[in-house]
Amino acid sequence: MAEMFLEKFRSLVPLYLEDEWQAEDGLTTAELDDALAEFTFPIPLVLLEFYMALGGCEDLMEAYHYFFDPEELEIEDGYLLFLEDEEEKYVWGIRVDQLEVPDPIVYRRQNARGAWKSEEGTFSEYVLDMFSWVFDELSPELDN
């Protein structure tokens, strides 16, 4: 498997947590294979590499929004769900017809309405922007 996103995701640990990336911050291929063994649908490359880089890093996996652990991934409404906000008002997903795309577009559903809306960015773009927002813009507000 070509590693397209792995190093970029690993770089988030020193960038936001001021610590070196350690192997335990991510999941091994074997751990990921075990967690995803029961699934009959493909998982996008970018999501696999996200888990390999950060799947064991609780400080990032649960930074304001909560990324699903790999075994908790589920398909609902034609989307692979991977993230929810802390108040469970929103959930983020990838359209099932885009699961074989290496870095697919992310969609958000407002749970009260059930309507999906494009975030107009790929998974890697969305995740990098989200962490930037949480740690660079939102963190000072949370400290007050």
N, C-alpha and C. Protein backbone atom coordinates (compact mmCIF):
# COMPACT_ATOMS: atom_id res chain seq x y z
N MET A 1 0.85 -1.17 0.00
CA MET A 1 0.00 0.00 0.00
C MET A 1 0.90 1.24 0.00
N ALA A 2 0.66 2.13 -0.93
CA ALA A 2 1.40 3.40 -0.98
C ALA A 2 0.92 4.30 0.16
N GLU A 3 1.88 4.89 0.84
CA GLU A 3 1.54 5.78 1.95
C GLU A 3 1.47 7.21 1.44
N MET A 4 0.25 7.71 1.30
CA MET A 4 0.05 9.05 0.76
C MET A 4 -0.15 10.10 1.85
N PHE A 5 -0.71 9.71 2.98
CA PHE A 5 -1.12 10.67 4.00
C PHE A 5 -0.51 10.41 5.37
N LEU A 6 0.11 9.26 5.54
CA LEU A 6 0.57 8.80 6.85
C LEU A 6 1.48 9.81 7.55
N GLU A 7 2.49 10.30 6.88
CA GLU A 7 3.42 11.24 7.51
C GLU A 7 2.75 12.56 7.86
N LYS A 8 1.84 13.01 7.02
CA LYS A 8 1.13 14.26 7.31
C LYS A 8 0.31 14.12 8.59
N PHE A 9 -0.38 12.99 8.76
CA PHE A 9 -1.15 12.77 9.98
C PHE A 9 -0.23 12.60 11.19
N ARG A 10 0.88 11.89 11.02
CA ARG A 10 1.82 11.72 12.14
C ARG A 10 2.37 13.07 12.60
N SER A 11 2.55 13.99 11.67
CA SER A 11 3.11 15.30 12.00
C SER A 11 2.19 16.12 12.90
N LEU A 12 0.93 15.71 13.05
CA LEU A 12 0.00 16.43 13.91
C LEU A 12 0.35 16.28 15.39
N VAL A 13 0.98 15.17 15.75
CA VAL A 13 1.34 14.96 17.16
C VAL A 13 2.34 16.02 17.62
N PRO A 14 3.48 16.18 16.96
CA PRO A 14 4.38 17.25 17.43
C PRO A 14 3.80 18.66 17.22
N LEU A 15 3.03 18.82 16.17
CA LEU A 15 2.47 20.14 15.88
C LEU A 15 1.52 20.62 16.98
N TYR A 16 0.62 19.74 17.42
CA TYR A 16 -0.41 20.16 18.37
C TYR A 16 -0.20 19.66 19.80
N LEU A 17 0.55 18.59 19.97
CA LEU A 17 0.73 18.04 21.32
C LEU A 17 2.13 18.26 21.86
N GLU A 18 2.99 18.89 21.05
CA GLU A 18 4.35 19.20 21.45
C GLU A 18 5.09 17.99 21.99
N ASP A 19 4.96 16.89 21.29
CA ASP A 19 5.63 15.65 21.65
C ASP A 19 5.98 14.94 20.36
N GLU A 20 6.95 14.05 20.40
CA GLU A 20 7.29 13.29 19.21
C GLU A 20 6.23 12.22 18.98
N TRP A 21 5.99 11.91 17.69
CA TRP A 21 5.08 10.83 17.36
C TRP A 21 5.72 9.53 17.83
N GLN A 22 4.92 8.68 18.49
CA GLN A 22 5.36 7.37 18.95
C GLN A 22 4.50 6.30 18.29
N ALA A 23 5.02 5.11 18.15
CA ALA A 23 4.28 4.02 17.49
C ALA A 23 2.91 3.80 18.15
N GLU A 24 2.83 3.98 19.47
CA GLU A 24 1.55 3.75 20.16
C GLU A 24 0.50 4.83 19.86
N ASP A 25 0.91 5.92 19.21
CA ASP A 25 -0.05 6.94 18.79
C ASP A 25 -0.93 6.44 17.65
N GLY A 26 -0.43 5.45 16.93
CA GLY A 26 -1.18 4.88 15.82
C GLY A 26 -1.54 3.43 16.06
N LEU A 27 -2.25 2.87 15.11
CA LEU A 27 -2.59 1.45 15.17
C LEU A 27 -1.70 0.70 14.18
N THR A 28 -1.34 -0.52 14.53
CA THR A 28 -0.57 -1.35 13.60
C THR A 28 -1.49 -1.86 12.51
N THR A 29 -0.90 -2.32 11.44
CA THR A 29 -1.68 -2.91 10.36
C THR A 29 -2.49 -4.09 10.88
N ALA A 30 -1.90 -4.91 11.75
CA ALA A 30 -2.60 -6.06 12.31
C ALA A 30 -3.79 -5.63 13.16
N GLU A 31 -3.60 -4.60 13.99
CA GLU A 31 -4.71 -4.10 14.82
C GLU A 31 -5.84 -3.56 13.93
N LEU A 32 -5.46 -2.86 12.90
CA LEU A 32 -6.45 -2.30 11.98
C LEU A 32 -7.18 -3.40 11.23
N ASP A 33 -6.43 -4.39 10.76
CA ASP A 33 -7.05 -5.52 10.06
C ASP A 33 -8.04 -6.25 10.97
N ASP A 34 -7.66 -6.46 12.23
CA ASP A 34 -8.57 -7.12 13.19
C ASP A 34 -9.83 -6.29 13.41
N ALA A 35 -9.67 -4.98 13.57
CA ALA A 35 -10.81 -4.10 13.84
C ALA A 35 -11.77 -4.03 12.66
N LEU A 36 -11.23 -4.16 11.46
CA LEU A 36 -12.05 -4.00 10.25
C LEU A 36 -12.43 -5.33 9.60
N ALA A 37 -12.06 -6.44 10.22
CA ALA A 37 -12.24 -7.76 9.62
C ALA A 37 -13.68 -8.08 9.24
N GLU A 38 -14.64 -7.63 10.02
CA GLU A 38 -16.05 -7.99 9.76
C GLU A 38 -16.70 -7.14 8.66
N PHE A 39 -16.05 -6.05 8.27
CA PHE A 39 -16.65 -5.16 7.29
C PHE A 39 -16.52 -5.72 5.88
N THR A 40 -17.59 -5.56 5.12
CA THR A 40 -17.61 -6.05 3.74
C THR A 40 -17.48 -4.90 2.74
N PHE A 41 -17.29 -3.70 3.23
CA PHE A 41 -17.15 -2.54 2.37
C PHE A 41 -15.71 -2.03 2.45
N PRO A 42 -15.25 -1.36 1.39
CA PRO A 42 -13.88 -0.83 1.41
C PRO A 42 -13.77 0.38 2.34
N ILE A 43 -12.57 0.58 2.86
CA ILE A 43 -12.28 1.74 3.68
C ILE A 43 -11.30 2.61 2.88
N PRO A 44 -11.59 3.89 2.72
CA PRO A 44 -10.68 4.75 1.95
C PRO A 44 -9.26 4.75 2.51
N LEU A 45 -8.29 4.81 1.62
CA LEU A 45 -6.88 4.82 2.01
C LEU A 45 -6.59 5.89 3.05
N VAL A 46 -7.12 7.08 2.88
CA VAL A 46 -6.85 8.17 3.80
C VAL A 46 -7.34 7.85 5.21
N LEU A 47 -8.46 7.17 5.34
CA LEU A 47 -8.97 6.80 6.66
C LEU A 47 -8.11 5.71 7.30
N LEU A 48 -7.66 4.75 6.50
CA LEU A 48 -6.75 3.72 7.01
C LEU A 48 -5.47 4.36 7.54
N GLU A 49 -4.90 5.28 6.77
CA GLU A 49 -3.66 5.92 7.19
C GLU A 49 -3.88 6.85 8.39
N PHE A 50 -5.04 7.45 8.48
CA PHE A 50 -5.37 8.25 9.66
C PHE A 50 -5.30 7.37 10.91
N TYR A 51 -5.93 6.20 10.86
CA TYR A 51 -5.91 5.30 12.01
C TYR A 51 -4.50 4.77 12.28
N MET A 52 -3.72 4.49 11.23
CA MET A 52 -2.36 4.01 11.40
C MET A 52 -1.48 5.09 12.06
N ALA A 53 -1.78 6.35 11.80
CA ALA A 53 -1.00 7.45 12.37
C ALA A 53 -1.50 7.88 13.74
N LEU A 54 -2.83 7.94 13.92
CA LEU A 54 -3.40 8.58 15.11
C LEU A 54 -4.44 7.75 15.86
N GLY A 55 -4.73 6.55 15.42
CA GLY A 55 -5.79 5.74 16.01
C GLY A 55 -5.61 5.41 17.49
N GLY A 56 -4.40 5.54 18.00
CA GLY A 56 -4.15 5.30 19.42
C GLY A 56 -3.92 6.57 20.22
N CYS A 57 -4.09 7.71 19.58
CA CYS A 57 -3.81 9.00 20.22
C CYS A 57 -5.11 9.65 20.67
N GLU A 58 -5.49 9.38 21.89
CA GLU A 58 -6.77 9.88 22.42
C GLU A 58 -6.87 11.40 22.39
N ASP A 59 -5.75 12.08 22.59
CA ASP A 59 -5.77 13.55 22.60
C ASP A 59 -6.20 14.13 21.26
N LEU A 60 -5.94 13.42 20.16
CA LEU A 60 -6.38 13.88 18.86
C LEU A 60 -7.68 13.21 18.42
N MET A 61 -7.83 11.95 18.75
CA MET A 61 -9.05 11.22 18.37
C MET A 61 -10.29 11.81 19.04
N GLU A 62 -10.09 12.48 20.18
CA GLU A 62 -11.21 13.04 20.93
C GLU A 62 -11.02 14.54 21.18
N ALA A 63 -10.45 15.22 20.21
CA ALA A 63 -10.20 16.66 20.33
C ALA A 63 -11.42 17.42 19.84
N TYR A 64 -12.29 17.78 20.74
CA TYR A 64 -13.52 18.54 20.49
C TYR A 64 -14.58 17.70 19.80
N HIS A 65 -14.25 17.06 18.69
CA HIS A 65 -15.13 16.09 18.03
C HIS A 65 -14.54 14.71 18.29
N TYR A 66 -15.34 13.69 18.10
CA TYR A 66 -14.91 12.33 18.41
C TYR A 66 -14.86 11.47 17.16
N PHE A 67 -13.65 11.02 16.81
CA PHE A 67 -13.50 10.08 15.72
C PHE A 67 -13.91 8.70 16.21
N PHE A 68 -14.65 7.99 15.39
CA PHE A 68 -15.04 6.63 15.74
C PHE A 68 -13.79 5.75 15.72
N ASP A 69 -13.68 4.82 16.67
CA ASP A 69 -12.65 3.80 16.59
C ASP A 69 -12.96 2.96 15.35
N PRO A 70 -11.95 2.33 14.75
CA PRO A 70 -12.20 1.62 13.48
C PRO A 70 -13.33 0.58 13.56
N GLU A 71 -13.41 -0.13 14.67
CA GLU A 71 -14.46 -1.15 14.79
C GLU A 71 -15.85 -0.54 14.96
N GLU A 72 -15.92 0.76 15.24
CA GLU A 72 -17.20 1.45 15.41
C GLU A 72 -17.72 2.10 14.12
N LEU A 73 -16.92 2.06 13.05
CA LEU A 73 -17.38 2.61 11.79
C LEU A 73 -18.68 1.95 11.39
N GLU A 74 -19.57 2.71 10.79
CA GLU A 74 -20.84 2.12 10.35
C GLU A 74 -21.36 2.87 9.14
N ILE A 75 -22.18 2.16 8.39
CA ILE A 75 -22.83 2.78 7.24
C ILE A 75 -24.27 3.07 7.62
N GLU A 76 -24.67 4.33 7.38
CA GLU A 76 -26.03 4.78 7.67
C GLU A 76 -26.42 5.81 6.61
N ASP A 77 -27.61 5.71 6.08
CA ASP A 77 -28.10 6.67 5.08
C ASP A 77 -27.22 6.74 3.84
N GLY A 78 -26.49 5.67 3.54
CA GLY A 78 -25.62 5.69 2.37
C GLY A 78 -24.28 6.36 2.61
N TYR A 79 -23.90 6.55 3.87
CA TYR A 79 -22.63 7.18 4.23
C TYR A 79 -21.89 6.33 5.25
N LEU A 80 -20.56 6.29 5.13
CA LEU A 80 -19.72 5.67 6.14
C LEU A 80 -19.44 6.73 7.21
N LEU A 81 -19.97 6.53 8.40
CA LEU A 81 -19.83 7.49 9.49
C LEU A 81 -18.49 7.30 10.18
N PHE A 82 -17.79 8.41 10.47
CA PHE A 82 -16.47 8.31 11.10
C PHE A 82 -16.24 9.33 12.22
N LEU A 83 -17.13 10.33 12.37
CA LEU A 83 -16.88 11.41 13.32
C LEU A 83 -18.20 11.98 13.81
N GLU A 84 -18.25 12.37 15.09
CA GLU A 84 -19.42 13.07 15.61
C GLU A 84 -18.96 14.16 16.57
N ASP A 85 -19.80 15.18 16.73
CA ASP A 85 -19.47 16.25 17.66
C ASP A 85 -19.82 15.80 19.08
N GLU A 86 -19.29 16.52 20.06
CA GLU A 86 -19.47 16.10 21.44
C GLU A 86 -20.92 16.14 21.90
N GLU A 87 -21.75 16.96 21.27
CA GLU A 87 -23.16 17.05 21.65
C GLU A 87 -24.06 16.15 20.79
N GLU A 88 -23.44 15.41 19.88
CA GLU A 88 -24.14 14.48 18.99
C GLU A 88 -25.22 15.18 18.15
N LYS A 89 -24.96 16.43 17.80
CA LYS A 89 -25.86 17.16 16.92
C LYS A 89 -25.51 16.91 15.46
N TYR A 90 -24.24 16.59 15.20
CA TYR A 90 -23.76 16.38 13.85
C TYR A 90 -22.96 15.09 13.76
N VAL A 91 -22.95 14.51 12.57
CA VAL A 91 -22.11 13.36 12.28
C VAL A 91 -21.52 13.59 10.90
N TRP A 92 -20.30 13.13 10.71
CA TRP A 92 -19.62 13.29 9.43
C TRP A 92 -19.43 11.93 8.80
N GLY A 93 -19.50 11.91 7.46
CA GLY A 93 -19.37 10.66 6.76
C GLY A 93 -18.85 10.84 5.34
N ILE A 94 -18.67 9.70 4.71
CA ILE A 94 -18.21 9.61 3.33
C ILE A 94 -19.25 8.81 2.57
N ARG A 95 -19.67 9.31 1.41
CA ARG A 95 -20.66 8.58 0.61
C ARG A 95 -20.12 7.20 0.25
N VAL A 96 -20.99 6.19 0.36
CA VAL A 96 -20.54 4.82 0.10
C VAL A 96 -20.08 4.63 -1.34
N ASP A 97 -20.61 5.42 -2.27
CA ASP A 97 -20.14 5.28 -3.65
C ASP A 97 -18.78 5.92 -3.88
N GLN A 98 -18.20 6.50 -2.82
CA GLN A 98 -16.88 7.13 -2.90
C GLN A 98 -15.84 6.42 -2.03
N LEU A 99 -16.18 5.26 -1.47
CA LEU A 99 -15.27 4.59 -0.53
C LEU A 99 -13.98 4.09 -1.17
N GLU A 100 -13.98 3.90 -2.47
CA GLU A 100 -12.76 3.44 -3.13
C GLU A 100 -11.87 4.60 -3.59
N VAL A 101 -12.34 5.83 -3.42
CA VAL A 101 -11.54 7.00 -3.73
C VAL A 101 -10.51 7.14 -2.61
N PRO A 102 -9.23 7.35 -2.92
CA PRO A 102 -8.22 7.43 -1.86
C PRO A 102 -8.48 8.51 -0.81
N ASP A 103 -8.97 9.67 -1.23
CA ASP A 103 -9.21 10.80 -0.31
C ASP A 103 -10.56 11.44 -0.68
N PRO A 104 -11.66 10.81 -0.27
CA PRO A 104 -12.99 11.28 -0.71
C PRO A 104 -13.47 12.54 0.00
N ILE A 105 -14.50 13.14 -0.58
CA ILE A 105 -15.16 14.32 -0.02
C ILE A 105 -15.91 13.94 1.27
N VAL A 106 -15.89 14.82 2.24
CA VAL A 106 -16.57 14.63 3.52
C VAL A 106 -17.93 15.34 3.48
N TYR A 107 -18.92 14.70 4.09
CA TYR A 107 -20.27 15.26 4.21
C TYR A 107 -20.63 15.31 5.69
N ARG A 108 -21.50 16.26 6.04
CA ARG A 108 -21.96 16.42 7.42
C ARG A 108 -23.48 16.32 7.45
N ARG A 109 -23.98 15.62 8.45
CA ARG A 109 -25.42 15.52 8.65
C ARG A 109 -25.79 16.20 9.96
N GLN A 110 -26.77 17.09 9.87
CA GLN A 110 -27.36 17.64 11.09
C GLN A 110 -28.38 16.61 11.52
N ASN A 111 -28.15 15.99 12.66
CA ASN A 111 -28.98 14.86 13.09
C ASN A 111 -30.45 15.22 13.25
N ALA A 112 -30.77 16.42 13.70
CA ALA A 112 -32.16 16.81 13.90
C ALA A 112 -32.93 16.83 12.58
N ARG A 113 -32.27 17.22 11.53
CA ARG A 113 -32.93 17.32 10.22
C ARG A 113 -32.70 16.10 9.34
N GLY A 114 -31.59 15.41 9.55
CA GLY A 114 -31.27 14.24 8.75
C GLY A 114 -30.75 14.57 7.36
N ALA A 115 -30.46 15.83 7.11
CA ALA A 115 -30.01 16.26 5.78
C ALA A 115 -28.48 16.28 5.74
N TRP A 116 -27.92 15.77 4.65
CA TRP A 116 -26.48 15.75 4.44
C TRP A 116 -26.06 16.94 3.61
N LYS A 117 -24.88 17.50 3.94
CA LYS A 117 -24.34 18.64 3.20
C LYS A 117 -22.84 18.41 3.01
N SER A 118 -22.35 18.69 1.82
CA SER A 118 -20.92 18.55 1.54
C SER A 118 -20.12 19.56 2.34
N GLU A 119 -19.00 19.12 2.88
CA GLU A 119 -18.06 20.03 3.55
C GLU A 119 -17.12 20.66 2.53
N GLU A 120 -17.28 20.26 1.28
CA GLU A 120 -16.51 20.80 0.16
C GLU A 120 -15.01 20.66 0.34
N GLY A 121 -14.62 19.55 0.93
CA GLY A 121 -13.21 19.23 1.10
C GLY A 121 -13.04 17.74 1.27
N THR A 122 -11.86 17.25 0.95
CA THR A 122 -11.58 15.83 1.13
C THR A 122 -11.35 15.52 2.60
N PHE A 123 -11.28 14.24 2.93
CA PHE A 123 -11.04 13.83 4.32
C PHE A 123 -9.76 14.47 4.85
N SER A 124 -8.67 14.38 4.09
CA SER A 124 -7.41 14.93 4.60
C SER A 124 -7.52 16.44 4.80
N GLU A 125 -8.12 17.14 3.86
CA GLU A 125 -8.29 18.59 4.01
C GLU A 125 -9.16 18.92 5.22
N TYR A 126 -10.26 18.20 5.36
CA TYR A 126 -11.18 18.46 6.45
C TYR A 126 -10.51 18.23 7.81
N VAL A 127 -9.82 17.10 7.94
CA VAL A 127 -9.18 16.76 9.21
C VAL A 127 -8.10 17.78 9.57
N LEU A 128 -7.26 18.14 8.62
CA LEU A 128 -6.20 19.10 8.89
C LEU A 128 -6.80 20.46 9.27
N ASP A 129 -7.83 20.88 8.56
CA ASP A 129 -8.50 22.14 8.89
C ASP A 129 -9.18 22.08 10.26
N MET A 130 -9.80 20.94 10.57
CA MET A 130 -10.49 20.81 11.85
C MET A 130 -9.51 20.91 13.02
N PHE A 131 -8.38 20.20 12.92
CA PHE A 131 -7.40 20.27 14.01
C PHE A 131 -6.81 21.68 14.13
N SER A 132 -6.59 22.34 13.02
CA SER A 132 -6.11 23.72 13.05
C SER A 132 -7.11 24.61 13.78
N TRP A 133 -8.38 24.43 13.48
CA TRP A 133 -9.44 25.20 14.13
C TRP A 133 -9.48 24.91 15.64
N VAL A 134 -9.43 23.63 15.99
CA VAL A 134 -9.53 23.24 17.39
C VAL A 134 -8.34 23.75 18.19
N PHE A 135 -7.12 23.56 17.67
CA PHE A 135 -5.93 23.87 18.46
C PHE A 135 -5.46 25.31 18.31
N ASP A 136 -5.67 25.92 17.15
CA ASP A 136 -5.17 27.27 16.93
C ASP A 136 -6.20 28.35 17.24
N GLU A 137 -7.45 28.08 16.89
CA GLU A 137 -8.47 29.11 17.05
C GLU A 137 -9.37 28.89 18.27
N LEU A 138 -9.75 27.65 18.50
CA LEU A 138 -10.69 27.36 19.57
C LEU A 138 -10.00 27.22 20.93
N SER A 139 -8.79 26.71 20.97
CA SER A 139 -8.10 26.47 22.24
C SER A 139 -8.01 27.70 23.12
N PRO A 140 -7.64 28.87 22.61
CA PRO A 140 -7.61 30.05 23.50
C PRO A 140 -8.98 30.35 24.13
N GLU A 141 -10.04 30.11 23.37
CA GLU A 141 -11.39 30.34 23.92
C GLU A 141 -11.71 29.34 25.01
N LEU A 142 -11.28 28.10 24.83
CA LEU A 142 -11.56 27.06 25.83
C LEU A 142 -10.78 27.29 27.11
N ASP A 143 -9.62 27.94 27.01
CA ASP A 143 -8.80 28.20 28.20
C ASP A 143 -9.39 29.27 29.11
N ASN A 144 -10.26 30.10 28.57
CA ASN A 144 -10.85 31.20 29.35
C ASN A 144 -12.01 30.74 30.19
